Amino acid sequence: MKVLSVNKFHYVKGGADRLYLEWSELLEKKGHEIVYFSMQHERNQATTYARYFVENVEFFNNGGRRNLPSMALRVLYSRQARRRIELLIEDTRPEIAHLHNIAHQLSPSILDSLKKHGLPVVQTVHDYKFGCPTYSFFTQGQVCERCKGHHYYNAALHRCNRGSLSASLLNCVEMYFHQLIGIYDKVDLFISPSDFLREKMIEYGFSPERIIWIPNFVDTNRYVPSYTSDGYFLFVGRLVSFKGVSTLLEAMRSVQESLLYIVGEGELREQLEARAKEESIQNVSFLGYQSGPELKSLIANAMFTVTPSEWYENMPYAILESFALGTPVLAANIGGMPELIEPGVNGLLFEPGSVVDLVEKIRYLLLNRQQLASMGKRARAKIEREYDAETHYERVMQAYERFL
């Protein structure tokens, strides 16, 4: 089978890009041919299809702001993306298209090209763009669903895109325009990695028959679990407001019994480090960006990891990787995370944004360290049973076969 695999980034910038690349790699290992379509970027993985990729664009630098009219046209309907993917299709003749994140850098204009050539279209949904102009159902420090019922003007009223009126207004217009032309009606089947996201799509008007649940996966052969720990616990993720790192740091003022390592970069790093220093929170260490064997070692040797997100997490790799390495997870009870966490079995849940509940759950785990190894083993078993590569392959191939 020849699959056209589409995502706006051809390098790992986030979880969506990782799934796009790892799923394509898995397909190739199974003997299928992959045709890639994405955006040009210096960090891209090498591919013979790069000549078809659309030109690189950065929406939030000064150049992007100066060229707002041309940026707006690209976001609404990119003629360049439509032309280039048509050339790619004509030259390669794929049998099916599998889309991931396409908004803004590519735009859904490519759907017209896919349907012009009669290709079945499957899209894995990684965020909440279907109902939220700025992807996240999160603004001004809290979960937000003001735009429900196609009330997208709220994005402009509340300046949801980085506090910028012009960017937020563009997101608002984008949503109304794509609704008007019915562009996403050209997707034949949506794949939702969490049941939570699937239910949200149905709540926002999508037909249940067009959405199937297939969770993300990890290749268990690449993760060697460890059921011992070095006496610390760990946060891994972007240091941005909706990840709940500020709440976690506040909790550490009351937890002196252990050390927290914070792994990641983001706009809040300097602020968080300064706060830790000012408030003499001495049992928190910021390790910056980590990857590869170093990151796996940090996760495997932690007592547990913490995912304190305050937005609707979908299917975070932070939890899947922690489980694969035999490390239980303390997670906020929000979004798709409760689908992964079985309290007392492979981790614990706490009330999102609640410092008091977070402190209580951290202390429980520290006082019951003898349970952590068995929780870690059950976490690994869950990955092997439900979230491994072979299971994912079988599920997605069944979805493809509906159209072939």
Foldseek 3Di string as FASTA:
>chain_A
DEEEQEDAAQAPPDDLNVLSVVVQVVCVVVPYHYHYEYEDDPRHDDDPNNVLYHYDDDCPDPVNVVPVVVLLCQQQANPSLLVSVLVVCVVPVGAAYEYEHQGRSRYLNVLVSCVVSPHAYEYEYQFQVLQALVGFCDAPLARHRVCQPNVLCVQLVRVRPVNDNSVSVSSSVSNVSCVVVVSVVSHQAYEAQFVLVLVVVVVSPDDNVRYDYFHAFDALVQAAAALAADFEEEEEDEPDSQQCVVLVLVLLVVPPRTAYEYEEYYDCPVVSVVVCVVSVSPRYHYPYHDDDPVVSVNLRRHLAYERQGRTQRGRHVVLLSSLSRLHAYEYEPHHRVVVLDDDPQQYYYFHRPDSVRVNVRVVVCVVPSVSSSRSSVSSNVCNVVRRHPVNSVVVVVVVVVVRD
